[in-house]
Amino acid sequence: MDKKLRKNKKVDKNAERVDLLESKLQEMETSWKRALADYKNLEKRTLEEKLLFVEFANKSLMEKLLPVLDNFSMLENHTNDVGIKMSVKELRVVLENSGLRMTEVKPGQEFDPNVMDAVDSGQGEDNKVLEVIRPGYFLKDKLIRPASVKVGRGQKP
């Protein structure tokens, strides 16, 4: 009987060890799954941050190129030189392919402070664009430069 009791105690101890090992295995599996999920989230965040960095770098470059584009556009409007016109067109195509697009601001439309800066006012229909002084631009969906416009301030009696 003494042998049987010892055998049962040994079986109980082995069962306890198995239970303990199974619980540790479960903890390790949960920990592993959590670490894998964290790694996937990190990968995703890193990719998003890289894309934002590239977009920000493009934005900075575009903002520096806009005055150059403005000057070339003025030159294009005051010359008949085919080479200059082709160069300006090519520059516009390159910038557009990089995500730059001009705001759609035209004389006669309602002044929109979200995409326009009023830099002058004059006699004309109240709160309507009288003249586009400098075009505005979006880079993808973000406004990087509002259009500079002259706005009507209403007729004087």
N, C-alpha and C. Protein backbone atom coordinates (compact mmCIF):
# COMPACT_ATOMS: atom_id res chain seq x y z
N MET A 1 0.81 -1.19 0.00
CA MET A 1 0.00 0.00 0.00
C MET A 1 0.85 1.24 0.00
N ASP A 2 1.96 1.13 0.64
CA ASP A 2 2.87 2.27 0.70
C ASP A 2 3.37 2.61 -0.69
N LYS A 3 3.60 1.59 -1.52
CA LYS A 3 4.05 1.81 -2.89
C LYS A 3 2.98 2.51 -3.71
N LYS A 4 1.73 2.10 -3.52
CA LYS A 4 0.62 2.70 -4.25
C LYS A 4 0.48 4.16 -3.90
N LEU A 5 0.62 4.50 -2.63
CA LEU A 5 0.51 5.88 -2.19
C LEU A 5 1.61 6.73 -2.81
N ARG A 6 2.82 6.17 -2.81
CA ARG A 6 3.94 6.90 -3.42
C ARG A 6 3.71 7.09 -4.92
N LYS A 7 3.15 6.07 -5.55
CA LYS A 7 2.89 6.13 -6.98
C LYS A 7 1.84 7.21 -7.27
N ASN A 8 0.79 7.29 -6.47
CA ASN A 8 -0.25 8.30 -6.65
C ASN A 8 0.31 9.71 -6.45
N LYS A 9 1.17 9.86 -5.43
CA LYS A 9 1.79 11.16 -5.20
C LYS A 9 2.64 11.56 -6.40
N LYS A 10 3.34 10.56 -6.96
CA LYS A 10 4.19 10.83 -8.12
C LYS A 10 3.33 11.22 -9.32
N VAL A 11 2.21 10.55 -9.50
CA VAL A 11 1.28 10.87 -10.59
C VAL A 11 0.71 12.26 -10.39
N ASP A 12 0.34 12.59 -9.14
CA ASP A 12 -0.19 13.92 -8.84
C ASP A 12 0.85 15.00 -9.13
N LYS A 13 2.10 14.75 -8.73
CA LYS A 13 3.16 15.72 -8.99
C LYS A 13 3.38 15.88 -10.49
N ASN A 14 3.35 14.78 -11.21
CA ASN A 14 3.52 14.85 -12.67
C ASN A 14 2.36 15.61 -13.31
N ALA A 15 1.16 15.39 -12.82
CA ALA A 15 -0.01 16.10 -13.34
C ALA A 15 0.12 17.59 -13.06
N GLU A 16 0.60 17.93 -11.83
CA GLU A 16 0.82 19.34 -11.50
C GLU A 16 1.86 19.96 -12.43
N ARG A 17 2.94 19.22 -12.68
CA ARG A 17 4.00 19.72 -13.58
C ARG A 17 3.45 19.92 -14.98
N VAL A 18 2.63 18.99 -15.46
CA VAL A 18 2.04 19.10 -16.79
C VAL A 18 1.14 20.33 -16.84
N ASP A 19 0.33 20.51 -15.80
CA ASP A 19 -0.55 21.69 -15.75
C ASP A 19 0.27 22.98 -15.75
N LEU A 20 1.33 23.00 -14.95
CA LEU A 20 2.20 24.17 -14.88
C LEU A 20 2.86 24.44 -16.24
N LEU A 21 3.35 23.39 -16.86
CA LEU A 21 4.00 23.55 -18.17
C LEU A 21 2.98 24.01 -19.22
N GLU A 22 1.77 23.49 -19.19
CA GLU A 22 0.73 23.90 -20.14
C GLU A 22 0.38 25.37 -19.93
N SER A 23 0.31 25.80 -18.68
CA SER A 23 -0.02 27.20 -18.39
C SER A 23 1.12 28.11 -18.87
N LYS A 24 2.37 27.69 -18.66
CA LYS A 24 3.50 28.48 -19.14
C LYS A 24 3.52 28.53 -20.66
N LEU A 25 3.21 27.41 -21.28
CA LEU A 25 3.14 27.36 -22.74
C LEU A 25 2.07 28.33 -23.25
N GLN A 26 0.92 28.34 -22.59
CA GLN A 26 -0.17 29.25 -22.96
C GLN A 26 0.27 30.71 -22.82
N GLU A 27 0.96 31.02 -21.71
CA GLU A 27 1.46 32.38 -21.49
C GLU A 27 2.45 32.77 -22.60
N MET A 28 3.35 31.85 -22.93
CA MET A 28 4.34 32.13 -23.97
C MET A 28 3.68 32.32 -25.33
N GLU A 29 2.67 31.53 -25.62
CA GLU A 29 1.95 31.65 -26.89
C GLU A 29 1.24 33.01 -26.96
N THR A 30 0.60 33.40 -25.87
CA THR A 30 -0.08 34.70 -25.82
C THR A 30 0.95 35.82 -25.99
N SER A 31 2.05 35.69 -25.29
CA SER A 31 3.12 36.70 -25.39
C SER A 31 3.67 36.77 -26.81
N TRP A 32 3.86 35.63 -27.44
CA TRP A 32 4.35 35.59 -28.81
C TRP A 32 3.37 36.26 -29.77
N LYS A 33 2.08 35.95 -29.61
CA LYS A 33 1.06 36.56 -30.48
C LYS A 33 1.02 38.07 -30.30
N ARG A 34 1.15 38.53 -29.06
CA ARG A 34 1.15 39.96 -28.78
C ARG A 34 2.38 40.62 -29.43
N ALA A 35 3.54 39.97 -29.30
CA ALA A 35 4.77 40.52 -29.90
C ALA A 35 4.65 40.56 -31.42
N LEU A 36 4.06 39.56 -32.02
CA LEU A 36 3.87 39.54 -33.47
C LEU A 36 2.94 40.67 -33.91
N ALA A 37 1.86 40.87 -33.17
CA ALA A 37 0.92 41.97 -33.49
C ALA A 37 1.62 43.32 -33.34
N ASP A 38 2.42 43.48 -32.28
CA ASP A 38 3.18 44.72 -32.09
C ASP A 38 4.14 44.95 -33.25
N TYR A 39 4.79 43.90 -33.69
CA TYR A 39 5.73 44.01 -34.81
C TYR A 39 5.01 44.44 -36.10
N LYS A 40 3.86 43.83 -36.35
CA LYS A 40 3.09 44.20 -37.55
C LYS A 40 2.63 45.65 -37.48
N ASN A 41 2.19 46.10 -36.29
CA ASN A 41 1.80 47.50 -36.12
C ASN A 41 2.99 48.43 -36.32
N LEU A 42 4.15 48.04 -35.82
CA LEU A 42 5.36 48.84 -36.00
C LEU A 42 5.72 48.96 -37.48
N GLU A 43 5.63 47.83 -38.19
CA GLU A 43 5.90 47.85 -39.64
C GLU A 43 4.96 48.82 -40.35
N LYS A 44 3.70 48.75 -40.01
CA LYS A 44 2.68 49.61 -40.63
C LYS A 44 2.96 51.08 -40.32
N ARG A 45 3.24 51.39 -39.05
CA ARG A 45 3.54 52.77 -38.65
C ARG A 45 4.80 53.29 -39.34
N THR A 46 5.81 52.45 -39.45
CA THR A 46 7.05 52.85 -40.10
C THR A 46 6.82 53.19 -41.56
N LEU A 47 6.02 52.38 -42.25
CA LEU A 47 5.70 52.65 -43.64
C LEU A 47 4.95 53.97 -43.77
N GLU A 48 3.96 54.19 -42.90
CA GLU A 48 3.20 55.45 -42.93
C GLU A 48 4.11 56.64 -42.67
N GLU A 49 5.04 56.51 -41.73
CA GLU A 49 5.96 57.60 -41.43
C GLU A 49 6.89 57.89 -42.61
N LYS A 50 7.33 56.84 -43.29
CA LYS A 50 8.17 57.04 -44.48
C LYS A 50 7.41 57.80 -45.55
N LEU A 51 6.15 57.42 -45.77
CA LEU A 51 5.33 58.10 -46.77
C LEU A 51 5.11 59.56 -46.39
N LEU A 52 4.87 59.82 -45.11
CA LEU A 52 4.71 61.21 -44.65
C LEU A 52 6.00 62.00 -44.83
N PHE A 53 7.13 61.37 -44.57
CA PHE A 53 8.42 62.04 -44.73
C PHE A 53 8.63 62.42 -46.19
N VAL A 54 8.35 61.50 -47.10
CA VAL A 54 8.52 61.78 -48.52
C VAL A 54 7.57 62.89 -48.95
N GLU A 55 6.33 62.83 -48.46
CA GLU A 55 5.34 63.85 -48.80
C GLU A 55 5.79 65.22 -48.28
N PHE A 56 6.32 65.25 -47.05
CA PHE A 56 6.79 66.51 -46.48
C PHE A 56 7.98 67.05 -47.26
N ALA A 57 8.88 66.16 -47.65
CA ALA A 57 10.04 66.59 -48.43
C ALA A 57 9.58 67.16 -49.77
N ASN A 58 8.60 66.52 -50.41
CA ASN A 58 8.05 67.04 -51.67
C ASN A 58 7.39 68.39 -51.45
N LYS A 59 6.68 68.55 -50.34
CA LYS A 59 5.99 69.81 -50.05
C LYS A 59 7.01 70.93 -49.94
N SER A 60 8.07 70.70 -49.23
CA SER A 60 9.10 71.72 -49.04
C SER A 60 9.72 72.11 -50.39
N LEU A 61 10.01 71.12 -51.21
CA LEU A 61 10.58 71.39 -52.53
C LEU A 61 9.59 72.15 -53.40
N MET A 62 8.33 71.73 -53.38
CA MET A 62 7.30 72.40 -54.19
C MET A 62 7.15 73.86 -53.77
N GLU A 63 7.14 74.12 -52.48
CA GLU A 63 7.01 75.49 -52.00
C GLU A 63 8.17 76.36 -52.49
N LYS A 64 9.34 75.77 -52.59
CA LYS A 64 10.51 76.52 -53.09
C LYS A 64 10.43 76.73 -54.60
N LEU A 65 9.79 75.79 -55.31
CA LEU A 65 9.70 75.91 -56.77
C LEU A 65 8.56 76.81 -57.24
N LEU A 66 7.57 77.06 -56.40
CA LEU A 66 6.43 77.87 -56.84
C LEU A 66 6.81 79.28 -57.30
N PRO A 67 7.68 80.00 -56.59
CA PRO A 67 8.07 81.32 -57.11
C PRO A 67 8.77 81.23 -58.47
N VAL A 68 9.54 80.18 -58.67
CA VAL A 68 10.20 79.97 -59.96
C VAL A 68 9.15 79.75 -61.04
N LEU A 69 8.15 78.92 -60.75
CA LEU A 69 7.07 78.68 -61.69
C LEU A 69 6.32 79.98 -61.97
N ASP A 70 6.07 80.79 -60.93
CA ASP A 70 5.40 82.08 -61.13
C ASP A 70 6.20 82.96 -62.10
N ASN A 71 7.50 83.03 -61.89
CA ASN A 71 8.35 83.87 -62.75
C ASN A 71 8.36 83.36 -64.18
N PHE A 72 8.46 82.05 -64.34
CA PHE A 72 8.44 81.48 -65.69
C PHE A 72 7.08 81.72 -66.37
N SER A 73 6.01 81.64 -65.59
CA SER A 73 4.68 81.88 -66.15
C SER A 73 4.55 83.32 -66.62
N MET A 74 5.06 84.27 -65.82
CA MET A 74 5.03 85.68 -66.25
C MET A 74 5.86 85.88 -67.52
N LEU A 75 7.02 85.24 -67.56
CA LEU A 75 7.88 85.33 -68.75
C LEU A 75 7.16 84.74 -69.96
N GLU A 76 6.51 83.60 -69.75
CA GLU A 76 5.78 82.94 -70.83
C GLU A 76 4.68 83.85 -71.39
N ASN A 77 4.01 84.59 -70.51
CA ASN A 77 2.93 85.48 -70.93
C ASN A 77 3.43 86.71 -71.70
N HIS A 78 4.70 87.02 -71.58
CA HIS A 78 5.24 88.23 -72.20
C HIS A 78 6.24 87.93 -73.31
N THR A 79 6.25 86.71 -73.80
CA THR A 79 7.18 86.37 -74.87
C THR A 79 6.51 85.43 -75.86
N ASN A 80 7.07 85.39 -77.04
CA ASN A 80 6.59 84.45 -78.06
C ASN A 80 7.64 83.36 -78.32
N ASP A 81 8.64 83.30 -77.45
CA ASP A 81 9.72 82.33 -77.60
C ASP A 81 9.19 80.92 -77.37
N VAL A 82 9.27 80.09 -78.42
CA VAL A 82 8.74 78.72 -78.36
C VAL A 82 9.49 77.88 -77.33
N GLY A 83 10.81 78.08 -77.23
CA GLY A 83 11.61 77.32 -76.27
C GLY A 83 11.19 77.59 -74.83
N ILE A 84 10.93 78.85 -74.52
CA ILE A 84 10.49 79.20 -73.17
C ILE A 84 9.13 78.59 -72.89
N LYS A 85 8.21 78.70 -73.85
CA LYS A 85 6.86 78.15 -73.67
C LYS A 85 6.92 76.63 -73.46
N MET A 86 7.77 75.96 -74.22
CA MET A 86 7.90 74.50 -74.06
C MET A 86 8.51 74.15 -72.70
N SER A 87 9.49 74.94 -72.27
CA SER A 87 10.15 74.67 -70.98
C SER A 87 9.17 74.86 -69.82
N VAL A 88 8.36 75.91 -69.88
CA VAL A 88 7.37 76.16 -68.83
C VAL A 88 6.33 75.03 -68.81
N LYS A 89 5.91 74.62 -69.99
CA LYS A 89 4.93 73.52 -70.08
C LYS A 89 5.52 72.24 -69.49
N GLU A 90 6.77 71.96 -69.81
CA GLU A 90 7.42 70.75 -69.29
C GLU A 90 7.57 70.81 -67.77
N LEU A 91 7.93 71.99 -67.25
CA LEU A 91 8.04 72.15 -65.80
C LEU A 91 6.69 71.91 -65.13
N ARG A 92 5.63 72.45 -65.73
CA ARG A 92 4.28 72.24 -65.17
C ARG A 92 3.92 70.74 -65.17
N VAL A 93 4.24 70.05 -66.24
CA VAL A 93 3.93 68.61 -66.34
C VAL A 93 4.68 67.83 -65.26
N VAL A 94 5.95 68.14 -65.07
CA VAL A 94 6.75 67.45 -64.05
C VAL A 94 6.14 67.69 -62.66
N LEU A 95 5.79 68.94 -62.37
CA LEU A 95 5.22 69.26 -61.06
C LEU A 95 3.85 68.62 -60.88
N GLU A 96 3.04 68.62 -61.92
CA GLU A 96 1.72 67.98 -61.84
C GLU A 96 1.85 66.48 -61.62
N ASN A 97 2.82 65.85 -62.28
CA ASN A 97 3.04 64.41 -62.09
C ASN A 97 3.53 64.09 -60.68
N SER A 98 4.05 65.11 -59.99
CA SER A 98 4.48 64.94 -58.60
C SER A 98 3.37 65.28 -57.62
N GLY A 99 2.17 65.58 -58.12
CA GLY A 99 1.02 65.82 -57.26
C GLY A 99 0.60 67.27 -57.10
N LEU A 100 1.28 68.19 -57.79
CA LEU A 100 0.93 69.61 -57.68
C LEU A 100 -0.21 69.93 -58.62
N ARG A 101 -1.20 70.68 -58.12
CA ARG A 101 -2.26 71.15 -59.00
C ARG A 101 -2.69 72.55 -58.58
N MET A 102 -3.07 73.33 -59.56
CA MET A 102 -3.46 74.71 -59.32
C MET A 102 -4.88 74.75 -58.76
N THR A 103 -5.14 75.73 -57.88
CA THR A 103 -6.49 75.90 -57.35
C THR A 103 -7.38 76.43 -58.47
N GLU A 104 -8.65 76.12 -58.39
CA GLU A 104 -9.62 76.55 -59.40
C GLU A 104 -10.25 77.87 -58.96
N VAL A 105 -9.52 78.97 -59.14
CA VAL A 105 -10.02 80.29 -58.75
C VAL A 105 -10.14 81.14 -60.00
N LYS A 106 -11.33 81.71 -60.19
CA LYS A 106 -11.60 82.53 -61.38
C LYS A 106 -12.31 83.80 -60.96
N PRO A 107 -12.10 84.89 -61.69
CA PRO A 107 -12.84 86.13 -61.40
C PRO A 107 -14.35 85.87 -61.47
N GLY A 108 -15.07 86.49 -60.54
CA GLY A 108 -16.52 86.35 -60.50
C GLY A 108 -17.01 85.33 -59.48
N GLN A 109 -16.14 84.44 -59.04
CA GLN A 109 -16.59 83.46 -58.06
C GLN A 109 -16.54 84.03 -56.65
N GLU A 110 -17.28 83.41 -55.76
CA GLU A 110 -17.35 83.83 -54.36
C GLU A 110 -15.99 83.67 -53.70
N PHE A 111 -15.60 84.64 -52.88
CA PHE A 111 -14.34 84.57 -52.15
C PHE A 111 -14.42 83.43 -51.13
N ASP A 112 -13.43 82.56 -51.13
CA ASP A 112 -13.36 81.43 -50.21
C ASP A 112 -12.07 81.53 -49.42
N PRO A 113 -12.14 81.89 -48.14
CA PRO A 113 -10.92 82.06 -47.34
C PRO A 113 -10.16 80.76 -47.10
N ASN A 114 -10.77 79.62 -47.42
CA ASN A 114 -10.07 78.33 -47.25
C ASN A 114 -9.01 78.10 -48.31
N VAL A 115 -9.18 78.73 -49.48
CA VAL A 115 -8.22 78.53 -50.57
C VAL A 115 -7.71 79.84 -51.16
N MET A 116 -8.12 80.97 -50.58
CA MET A 116 -7.74 82.27 -51.13
C MET A 116 -7.28 83.21 -50.02
N ASP A 117 -6.35 84.10 -50.39
CA ASP A 117 -5.96 85.22 -49.54
C ASP A 117 -6.37 86.49 -50.27
N ALA A 118 -7.12 87.35 -49.58
CA ALA A 118 -7.49 88.64 -50.16
C ALA A 118 -6.33 89.59 -49.92
N VAL A 119 -5.63 89.98 -50.99
CA VAL A 119 -4.49 90.88 -50.86
C VAL A 119 -4.82 92.30 -51.30
N ASP A 120 -6.01 92.47 -51.89
CA ASP A 120 -6.45 93.79 -52.33
C ASP A 120 -7.96 93.75 -52.45
N SER A 121 -8.55 94.93 -52.46
CA SER A 121 -9.99 95.01 -52.67
C SER A 121 -10.25 96.16 -53.63
N GLY A 122 -11.41 96.11 -54.22
CA GLY A 122 -11.76 97.15 -55.17
C GLY A 122 -13.25 97.22 -55.34
N GLN A 123 -13.67 98.23 -56.12
CA GLN A 123 -15.08 98.42 -56.38
C GLN A 123 -15.58 97.25 -57.23
N GLY A 124 -16.59 96.60 -56.77
CA GLY A 124 -17.16 95.48 -57.49
C GLY A 124 -18.17 94.75 -56.64
N GLU A 125 -18.69 93.69 -57.17
CA GLU A 125 -19.69 92.91 -56.44
C GLU A 125 -19.10 92.42 -55.13
N ASP A 126 -19.84 92.61 -54.05
CA ASP A 126 -19.36 92.30 -52.71
C ASP A 126 -18.97 90.83 -52.57
N ASN A 127 -17.76 90.62 -52.02
CA ASN A 127 -17.25 89.29 -51.70
C ASN A 127 -17.05 88.39 -52.93
N LYS A 128 -16.87 89.00 -54.10
CA LYS A 128 -16.58 88.25 -55.32
C LYS A 128 -15.14 88.53 -55.74
N VAL A 129 -14.50 87.52 -56.32
CA VAL A 129 -13.14 87.67 -56.81
C VAL A 129 -13.16 88.58 -58.04
N LEU A 130 -12.39 89.68 -57.97
CA LEU A 130 -12.28 90.58 -59.11
C LEU A 130 -11.12 90.18 -60.02
N GLU A 131 -10.03 89.72 -59.38
CA GLU A 131 -8.83 89.39 -60.15
C GLU A 131 -7.99 88.37 -59.38
N VAL A 132 -7.41 87.42 -60.09
CA VAL A 132 -6.47 86.48 -59.48
C VAL A 132 -5.08 87.05 -59.70
N ILE A 133 -4.43 87.44 -58.62
CA ILE A 133 -3.12 88.06 -58.70
C ILE A 133 -2.02 87.00 -58.78
N ARG A 134 -2.17 85.94 -58.00
CA ARG A 134 -1.21 84.84 -58.00
C ARG A 134 -1.97 83.55 -57.74
N PRO A 135 -1.77 82.53 -58.57
CA PRO A 135 -2.52 81.28 -58.38
C PRO A 135 -2.11 80.55 -57.10
N GLY A 136 -3.05 79.78 -56.58
CA GLY A 136 -2.76 78.94 -55.44
C GLY A 136 -2.54 77.51 -55.90
N TYR A 137 -1.99 76.69 -55.01
CA TYR A 137 -1.66 75.32 -55.39
C TYR A 137 -1.96 74.34 -54.26
N PHE A 138 -2.36 73.15 -54.67
CA PHE A 138 -2.51 72.00 -53.79
C PHE A 138 -1.38 71.03 -54.10
N LEU A 139 -0.89 70.35 -53.08
CA LEU A 139 -0.01 69.20 -53.28
C LEU A 139 -0.82 68.01 -52.82
N LYS A 140 -1.22 67.21 -53.78
CA LYS A 140 -2.19 66.14 -53.56
C LYS A 140 -3.46 66.79 -53.03
N ASP A 141 -3.87 66.53 -51.79
CA ASP A 141 -5.11 67.13 -51.28
C ASP A 141 -4.86 68.25 -50.27
N LYS A 142 -3.61 68.65 -50.09
CA LYS A 142 -3.29 69.68 -49.09
C LYS A 142 -2.95 70.99 -49.78
N LEU A 143 -3.57 72.05 -49.31
CA LEU A 143 -3.28 73.38 -49.82
C LEU A 143 -1.89 73.78 -49.34
N ILE A 144 -0.99 74.09 -50.29
CA ILE A 144 0.35 74.53 -49.89
C ILE A 144 0.54 76.02 -50.12
N ARG A 145 -0.32 76.61 -50.97
CA ARG A 145 -0.28 78.06 -51.13
C ARG A 145 -1.66 78.53 -51.60
N PRO A 146 -2.30 79.41 -50.82
CA PRO A 146 -3.59 79.93 -51.24
C PRO A 146 -3.42 80.90 -52.41
N ALA A 147 -4.46 81.04 -53.20
CA ALA A 147 -4.44 82.00 -54.30
C ALA A 147 -4.53 83.41 -53.72
N SER A 148 -3.76 84.33 -54.28
CA SER A 148 -3.83 85.74 -53.89
C SER A 148 -4.82 86.42 -54.84
N VAL A 149 -5.86 87.04 -54.26
CA VAL A 149 -6.91 87.60 -55.09
C VAL A 149 -7.28 89.02 -54.66
N LYS A 150 -7.87 89.73 -55.61
CA LYS A 150 -8.47 91.05 -55.34
C LYS A 150 -9.96 90.80 -55.22
N VAL A 151 -10.56 91.30 -54.13
CA VAL A 151 -11.95 91.00 -53.82
C VAL A 151 -12.80 92.27 -53.89
N GLY A 152 -14.02 92.11 -54.39
CA GLY A 152 -14.96 93.23 -54.44
C GLY A 152 -15.46 93.59 -53.07
N ARG A 153 -15.59 94.88 -52.81
CA ARG A 153 -16.05 95.32 -51.50
C ARG A 153 -17.43 95.99 -51.56
N GLY A 154 -18.09 95.82 -52.68
CA GLY A 154 -19.43 96.38 -52.80
C GLY A 154 -19.42 97.73 -53.47
N GLN A 155 -20.51 98.09 -54.08
CA GLN A 155 -20.64 99.37 -54.76
C GLN A 155 -20.87 100.47 -53.74
N LYS A 156 -20.23 101.62 -53.97
CA LYS A 156 -20.48 102.78 -53.12
C LYS A 156 -21.70 103.51 -53.66
N PRO A 157 -22.59 104.00 -52.77
CA PRO A 157 -23.79 104.69 -53.23
C PRO A 157 -23.46 106.05 -53.84
